[in-house]
Amino acid sequence: MIDPEICNGKPVLRGKHITAQAILEFLSAGETHAEILRQYPSLEPEDIQTCLVYATRLMGHHTLVKQIA
């Protein structure tokens, strides 16, 4: 969910103040799903899976960045 009034418009999980970016950062740091769920008891296992699907879809978008001299 993206709402400019919540977490500066960053994608969040089910309207909570927990960003997809935060969950992905925990995963990339080696945190287990169980540890993330322990730290955020309001999350469901499906929320973590949703973050992974979101990241996968983002990687499917092609972006071109031009360097301006």
PDB file of N, CA and C in Angstrom:
ATOM      1  N   MET A   1       0.846  -1.171   0.000  1.00  0.00           N
ATOM      2  CA  MET A   1       0.000   0.000   0.000  1.00  0.00           C
ATOM      3  C   MET A   1       0.892   1.235   0.000  1.00  0.00           C
ATOM      4  N   ILE A   2       0.546   2.212  -0.821  1.00  0.00           N
ATOM      5  CA  ILE A   2       1.295   3.458  -0.861  1.00  0.00           C
ATOM      6  C   ILE A   2       0.340   4.602  -0.532  1.00  0.00           C
ATOM      7  N   ASP A   3       0.674   5.319   0.526  1.00  0.00           N
ATOM      8  CA  ASP A   3      -0.129   6.451   0.979  1.00  0.00           C
ATOM      9  C   ASP A   3       0.851   7.549   1.364  1.00  0.00           C
ATOM     10  N   PRO A   4       0.775   8.714   0.739  1.00  0.00           N
ATOM     11  CA  PRO A   4       1.732   9.775   1.040  1.00  0.00           C
ATOM     12  C   PRO A   4       1.728  10.206   2.511  1.00  0.00           C
ATOM     13  N   GLU A   5       0.675   9.886   3.226  1.00  0.00           N
ATOM     14  CA  GLU A   5       0.575  10.256   4.639  1.00  0.00           C
ATOM     15  C   GLU A   5       1.225   9.231   5.568  1.00  0.00           C
ATOM     16  N   ILE A   6       1.610   8.074   5.030  1.00  0.00           N
ATOM     17  CA  ILE A   6       2.217   7.024   5.855  1.00  0.00           C
ATOM     18  C   ILE A   6       3.644   6.772   5.363  1.00  0.00           C
ATOM     19  N   CYS A   7       4.617   6.921   6.240  1.00  0.00           N
ATOM     20  CA  CYS A   7       6.035   6.649   5.946  1.00  0.00           C
ATOM     21  C   CYS A   7       6.508   7.361   4.678  1.00  0.00           C
ATOM     22  N   ASN A   8       6.100   8.609   4.530  1.00  0.00           N
ATOM     23  CA  ASN A   8       6.524   9.439   3.384  1.00  0.00           C
ATOM     24  C   ASN A   8       6.211   8.808   2.041  1.00  0.00           C
ATOM     25  N   GLY A   9       5.158   8.036   1.968  1.00  0.00           N
ATOM     26  CA  GLY A   9       4.742   7.451   0.699  1.00  0.00           C
ATOM     27  C   GLY A   9       5.485   6.198   0.293  1.00  0.00           C
ATOM     28  N   LYS A  10       6.341   5.678   1.176  1.00  0.00           N
ATOM     29  CA  LYS A  10       7.013   4.414   0.863  1.00  0.00           C
ATOM     30  C   LYS A  10       6.003   3.275   0.969  1.00  0.00           C
ATOM     31  N   PRO A  11       6.175   2.228   0.181  1.00  0.00           N
ATOM     32  CA  PRO A  11       5.255   1.086   0.270  1.00  0.00           C
ATOM     33  C   PRO A  11       5.302   0.456   1.668  1.00  0.00           C
ATOM     34  N   VAL A  12       4.122   0.276   2.246  1.00  0.00           N
ATOM     35  CA  VAL A  12       4.012  -0.319   3.578  1.00  0.00           C
ATOM     36  C   VAL A  12       3.131  -1.560   3.521  1.00  0.00           C
ATOM     37  N   LEU A  13       3.211  -2.342   4.558  1.00  0.00           N
ATOM     38  CA  LEU A  13       2.447  -3.579   4.648  1.00  0.00           C
ATOM     39  C   LEU A  13       1.096  -3.334   5.311  1.00  0.00           C
ATOM     40  N   ARG A  14       0.044  -3.581   4.568  1.00  0.00           N
ATOM     41  CA  ARG A  14      -1.335  -3.513   5.063  1.00  0.00           C
ATOM     42  C   ARG A  14      -1.640  -2.256   5.872  1.00  0.00           C
ATOM     43  N   GLY A  15      -1.105  -1.107   5.428  1.00  0.00           N
ATOM     44  CA  GLY A  15      -1.388   0.153   6.093  1.00  0.00           C
ATOM     45  C   GLY A  15      -0.640   0.359   7.399  1.00  0.00           C
ATOM     46  N   LYS A  16       0.217  -0.579   7.762  1.00  0.00           N
ATOM     47  CA  LYS A  16       1.003  -0.451   8.991  1.00  0.00           C
ATOM     48  C   LYS A  16       2.167   0.491   8.726  1.00  0.00           C
ATOM     49  N   HIS A  17       2.821   0.913   9.747  1.00  0.00           N
ATOM     50  CA  HIS A  17       4.001   1.767   9.597  1.00  0.00           C
ATOM     51  C   HIS A  17       5.267   0.905   9.513  1.00  0.00           C
ATOM     52  N   ILE A  18       5.187  -0.142   8.744  1.00  0.00           N
ATOM     53  CA  ILE A  18       6.321  -1.037   8.502  1.00  0.00           C
ATOM     54  C   ILE A  18       6.520  -1.063   6.992  1.00  0.00           C
ATOM     55  N   THR A  19       7.665  -0.562   6.535  1.00  0.00           N
ATOM     56  CA  THR A  19       7.882  -0.478   5.093  1.00  0.00           C
ATOM     57  C   THR A  19       8.382  -1.800   4.524  1.00  0.00           C
ATOM     58  N   ALA A  20       8.060  -1.983   3.255  1.00  0.00           N
ATOM     59  CA  ALA A  20       8.585  -3.148   2.540  1.00  0.00           C
ATOM     60  C   ALA A  20      10.107  -3.084   2.536  1.00  0.00           C
ATOM     61  N   GLN A  21      10.644  -1.886   2.408  1.00  0.00           N
ATOM     62  CA  GLN A  21      12.099  -1.709   2.403  1.00  0.00           C
ATOM     63  C   GLN A  21      12.716  -2.229   3.696  1.00  0.00           C
ATOM     64  N   ALA A  22      12.106  -1.945   4.833  1.00  0.00           N
ATOM     65  CA  ALA A  22      12.647  -2.406   6.117  1.00  0.00           C
ATOM     66  C   ALA A  22      12.702  -3.928   6.160  1.00  0.00           C
ATOM     67  N   ILE A  23      11.637  -4.574   5.718  1.00  0.00           N
ATOM     68  CA  ILE A  23      11.601  -6.036   5.738  1.00  0.00           C
ATOM     69  C   ILE A  23      12.660  -6.605   4.802  1.00  0.00           C
ATOM     70  N   LEU A  24      12.787  -6.014   3.620  1.00  0.00           N
ATOM     71  CA  LEU A  24      13.797  -6.485   2.668  1.00  0.00           C
ATOM     72  C   LEU A  24      15.210  -6.266   3.210  1.00  0.00           C
ATOM     73  N   GLU A  25      15.431  -5.183   3.919  1.00  0.00           N
ATOM     74  CA  GLU A  25      16.742  -4.940   4.529  1.00  0.00           C
ATOM     75  C   GLU A  25      17.049  -5.977   5.603  1.00  0.00           C
ATOM     76  N   PHE A  26      16.048  -6.321   6.416  1.00  0.00           N
ATOM     77  CA  PHE A  26      16.251  -7.368   7.419  1.00  0.00           C
ATOM     78  C   PHE A  26      16.628  -8.687   6.748  1.00  0.00           C
ATOM     79  N   LEU A  27      15.907  -9.033   5.694  1.00  0.00           N
ATOM     80  CA  LEU A  27      16.193 -10.279   4.982  1.00  0.00           C
ATOM     81  C   LEU A  27      17.598 -10.255   4.382  1.00  0.00           C
ATOM     82  N   SER A  28      17.972  -9.126   3.782  1.00  0.00           N
ATOM     83  CA  SER A  28      19.300  -9.048   3.164  1.00  0.00           C
ATOM     84  C   SER A  28      20.420  -9.072   4.199  1.00  0.00           C
ATOM     85  N   ALA A  29      20.108  -8.709   5.434  1.00  0.00           N
ATOM     86  CA  ALA A  29      21.095  -8.768   6.516  1.00  0.00           C
ATOM     87  C   ALA A  29      21.185 -10.164   7.135  1.00  0.00           C
ATOM     88  N   GLY A  30      20.332 -11.074   6.653  1.00  0.00           N
ATOM     89  CA  GLY A  30      20.398 -12.445   7.142  1.00  0.00           C
ATOM     90  C   GLY A  30      19.371 -12.816   8.188  1.00  0.00           C
ATOM     91  N   GLU A  31      18.461 -11.895   8.504  1.00  0.00           N
ATOM     92  CA  GLU A  31      17.411 -12.215   9.477  1.00  0.00           C
ATOM     93  C   GLU A  31      16.505 -13.301   8.900  1.00  0.00           C
ATOM     94  N   THR A  32      16.044 -14.181   9.755  1.00  0.00           N
ATOM     95  CA  THR A  32      15.112 -15.223   9.327  1.00  0.00           C
ATOM     96  C   THR A  32      13.690 -14.675   9.358  1.00  0.00           C
ATOM     97  N   HIS A  33      12.819 -15.351   8.656  1.00  0.00           N
ATOM     98  CA  HIS A  33      11.404 -14.967   8.681  1.00  0.00           C
ATOM     99  C   HIS A  33      10.897 -15.017  10.116  1.00  0.00           C
ATOM    100  N   ALA A  34      11.282 -16.058  10.839  1.00  0.00           N
ATOM    101  CA  ALA A  34      10.813 -16.219  12.219  1.00  0.00           C
ATOM    102  C   ALA A  34      11.261 -15.052  13.094  1.00  0.00           C
ATOM    103  N   GLU A  35      12.489 -14.592  12.913  1.00  0.00           N
ATOM    104  CA  GLU A  35      12.996 -13.478  13.711  1.00  0.00           C
ATOM    105  C   GLU A  35      12.255 -12.188  13.376  1.00  0.00           C
ATOM    106  N   ILE A  36      11.995 -11.951  12.102  1.00  0.00           N
ATOM    107  CA  ILE A  36      11.253 -10.749  11.701  1.00  0.00           C
ATOM    108  C   ILE A  36       9.850 -10.786  12.297  1.00  0.00           C
ATOM    109  N   LEU A  37       9.209 -11.935  12.236  1.00  0.00           N
ATOM    110  CA  LEU A  37       7.861 -12.064  12.792  1.00  0.00           C
ATOM    111  C   LEU A  37       7.866 -11.907  14.311  1.00  0.00           C
ATOM    112  N   ARG A  38       8.941 -12.310  14.959  1.00  0.00           N
ATOM    113  CA  ARG A  38       9.057 -12.119  16.412  1.00  0.00           C
ATOM    114  C   ARG A  38       9.185 -10.634  16.727  1.00  0.00           C
ATOM    115  N   GLN A  39       9.982  -9.914  15.921  1.00  0.00           N
ATOM    116  CA  GLN A  39      10.189  -8.487  16.151  1.00  0.00           C
ATOM    117  C   GLN A  39       8.948  -7.658  15.816  1.00  0.00           C
ATOM    118  N   TYR A  40       8.168  -8.148  14.856  1.00  0.00           N
ATOM    119  CA  TYR A  40       6.959  -7.445  14.413  1.00  0.00           C
ATOM    120  C   TYR A  40       5.766  -8.397  14.522  1.00  0.00           C
ATOM    121  N   PRO A  41       5.244  -8.588  15.727  1.00  0.00           N
ATOM    122  CA  PRO A  41       4.181  -9.574  15.925  1.00  0.00           C
ATOM    123  C   PRO A  41       2.883  -9.282  15.168  1.00  0.00           C
ATOM    124  N   SER A  42       2.712  -8.066  14.671  1.00  0.00           N
ATOM    125  CA  SER A  42       1.497  -7.769  13.913  1.00  0.00           C
ATOM    126  C   SER A  42       1.585  -8.252  12.464  1.00  0.00           C
ATOM    127  N   LEU A  43       2.769  -8.685  12.041  1.00  0.00           N
ATOM    128  CA  LEU A  43       2.930  -9.193  10.678  1.00  0.00           C
ATOM    129  C   LEU A  43       2.541 -10.659  10.584  1.00  0.00           C
ATOM    130  N   GLU A  44       2.190 -11.058   9.391  1.00  0.00           N
ATOM    131  CA  GLU A  44       1.883 -12.450   9.067  1.00  0.00           C
ATOM    132  C   GLU A  44       2.972 -12.959   8.124  1.00  0.00           C
ATOM    133  N   PRO A  45       3.194 -14.263   8.068  1.00  0.00           N
ATOM    134  CA  PRO A  45       4.194 -14.801   7.129  1.00  0.00           C
ATOM    135  C   PRO A  45       3.957 -14.334   5.694  1.00  0.00           C
ATOM    136  N   GLU A  46       2.705 -14.156   5.308  1.00  0.00           N
ATOM    137  CA  GLU A  46       2.377 -13.708   3.957  1.00  0.00           C
ATOM    138  C   GLU A  46       2.897 -12.297   3.682  1.00  0.00           C
ATOM    139  N   ASP A  47       3.047 -11.489   4.732  1.00  0.00           N
ATOM    140  CA  ASP A  47       3.562 -10.131   4.553  1.00  0.00           C
ATOM    141  C   ASP A  47       5.011 -10.162   4.058  1.00  0.00           C
ATOM    142  N   ILE A  48       5.794 -11.069   4.587  1.00  0.00           N
ATOM    143  CA  ILE A  48       7.183 -11.190   4.143  1.00  0.00           C
ATOM    144  C   ILE A  48       7.222 -11.665   2.700  1.00  0.00           C
ATOM    145  N   GLN A  49       6.390 -12.623   2.376  1.00  0.00           N
ATOM    146  CA  GLN A  49       6.318 -13.115   0.998  1.00  0.00           C
ATOM    147  C   GLN A  49       5.891 -11.994   0.056  1.00  0.00           C
ATOM    148  N   THR A  50       4.979 -11.157   0.494  1.00  0.00           N
ATOM    149  CA  THR A  50       4.528 -10.033  -0.313  1.00  0.00           C
ATOM    150  C   THR A  50       5.684  -9.079  -0.613  1.00  0.00           C
ATOM    151  N   CYS A  51       6.553  -8.844   0.358  1.00  0.00           N
ATOM    152  CA  CYS A  51       7.726  -7.985   0.139  1.00  0.00           C
ATOM    153  C   CYS A  51       8.651  -8.582  -0.917  1.00  0.00           C
ATOM    154  N   LEU A  52       8.829  -9.886  -0.871  1.00  0.00           N
ATOM    155  CA  LEU A  52       9.683 -10.545  -1.856  1.00  0.00           C
ATOM    156  C   LEU A  52       9.078 -10.465  -3.254  1.00  0.00           C
ATOM    157  N   VAL A  53       7.786 -10.636  -3.350  1.00  0.00           N
ATOM    158  CA  VAL A  53       7.108 -10.522  -4.648  1.00  0.00           C
ATOM    159  C   VAL A  53       7.234  -9.092  -5.160  1.00  0.00           C
ATOM    160  N   TYR A  54       7.051  -8.122  -4.285  1.00  0.00           N
ATOM    161  CA  TYR A  54       7.170  -6.714  -4.658  1.00  0.00           C
ATOM    162  C   TYR A  54       8.566  -6.423  -5.213  1.00  0.00           C
ATOM    163  N   ALA A  55       9.595  -6.877  -4.510  1.00  0.00           N
ATOM    164  CA  ALA A  55      10.975  -6.648  -4.968  1.00  0.00           C
ATOM    165  C   ALA A  55      11.228  -7.318  -6.311  1.00  0.00           C
ATOM    166  N   THR A  56      10.705  -8.504  -6.494  1.00  0.00           N
ATOM    167  CA  THR A  56      10.865  -9.216  -7.760  1.00  0.00           C
ATOM    168  C   THR A  56      10.211  -8.446  -8.893  1.00  0.00           C
ATOM    169  N   ARG A  57       9.044  -7.919  -8.661  1.00  0.00           N
ATOM    170  CA  ARG A  57       8.347  -7.148  -9.699  1.00  0.00           C
ATOM    171  C   ARG A  57       9.095  -5.862 -10.019  1.00  0.00           C
ATOM    172  N   LEU A  58       9.661  -5.220  -8.999  1.00  0.00           N
ATOM    173  CA  LEU A  58      10.442  -4.011  -9.249  1.00  0.00           C
ATOM    174  C   LEU A  58      11.643  -4.304 -10.142  1.00  0.00           C
ATOM    175  N   MET A  59      12.262  -5.438  -9.916  1.00  0.00           N
ATOM    176  CA  MET A  59      13.426  -5.806 -10.718  1.00  0.00           C
ATOM    177  C   MET A  59      13.045  -6.070 -12.170  1.00  0.00           C
ATOM    178  N   GLY A  60      11.791  -6.330 -12.438  1.00  0.00           N
ATOM    179  CA  GLY A  60      11.315  -6.572 -13.786  1.00  0.00           C
ATOM    180  C   GLY A  60      11.129  -5.300 -14.592  1.00  0.00           C
ATOM    181  N   HIS A  61      11.175  -4.141 -13.917  1.00  0.00           N
ATOM    182  CA  HIS A  61      11.029  -2.859 -14.604  1.00  0.00           C
ATOM    183  C   HIS A  61      12.395  -2.394 -15.082  1.00  0.00           C
ATOM    184  N   HIS A  62      12.461  -1.913 -16.291  1.00  0.00           N
ATOM    185  CA  HIS A  62      13.711  -1.406 -16.847  1.00  0.00           C
ATOM    186  C   HIS A  62      13.768   0.103 -16.642  1.00  0.00           C
ATOM    187  N   THR A  63      14.872   0.543 -16.085  1.00  0.00           N
ATOM    188  CA  THR A  63      15.066   1.956 -15.825  1.00  0.00           C
ATOM    189  C   THR A  63      16.368   2.407 -16.457  1.00  0.00           C
ATOM    190  N   LEU A  64      16.334   3.524 -17.134  1.00  0.00           N
ATOM    191  CA  LEU A  64      17.523   4.078 -17.761  1.00  0.00           C
ATOM    192  C   LEU A  64      17.846   5.383 -17.056  1.00  0.00           C
ATOM    193  N   VAL A  65      19.076   5.490 -16.581  1.00  0.00           N
ATOM    194  CA  VAL A  65      19.524   6.708 -15.916  1.00  0.00           C
ATOM    195  C   VAL A  65      20.603   7.324 -16.791  1.00  0.00           C
ATOM    196  N   LYS A  66      20.371   8.544 -17.231  1.00  0.00           N
ATOM    197  CA  LYS A  66      21.339   9.238 -18.079  1.00  0.00           C
ATOM    198  C   LYS A  66      22.201  10.140 -17.204  1.00  0.00           C
ATOM    199  N   GLN A  67      23.480  10.097 -17.459  1.00  0.00           N
ATOM    200  CA  GLN A  67      24.397  10.981 -16.745  1.00  0.00           C
ATOM    201  C   GLN A  67      24.466  12.287 -17.516  1.00  0.00           C
ATOM    202  N   ILE A  68      24.283  13.383 -16.806  1.00  0.00           N
ATOM    203  CA  ILE A  68      24.340  14.689 -17.429  1.00  0.00           C
ATOM    204  C   ILE A  68      25.686  15.299 -17.077  1.00  0.00           C
ATOM    205  N   ALA A  69      26.421  15.707 -18.098  1.00  0.00           N
ATOM    206  CA  ALA A  69      27.762  16.257 -17.892  1.00  0.00           C
ATOM    207  C   ALA A  69      27.715  17.650 -17.336  1.00  0.00           C
TER     208      ALA A  69
END
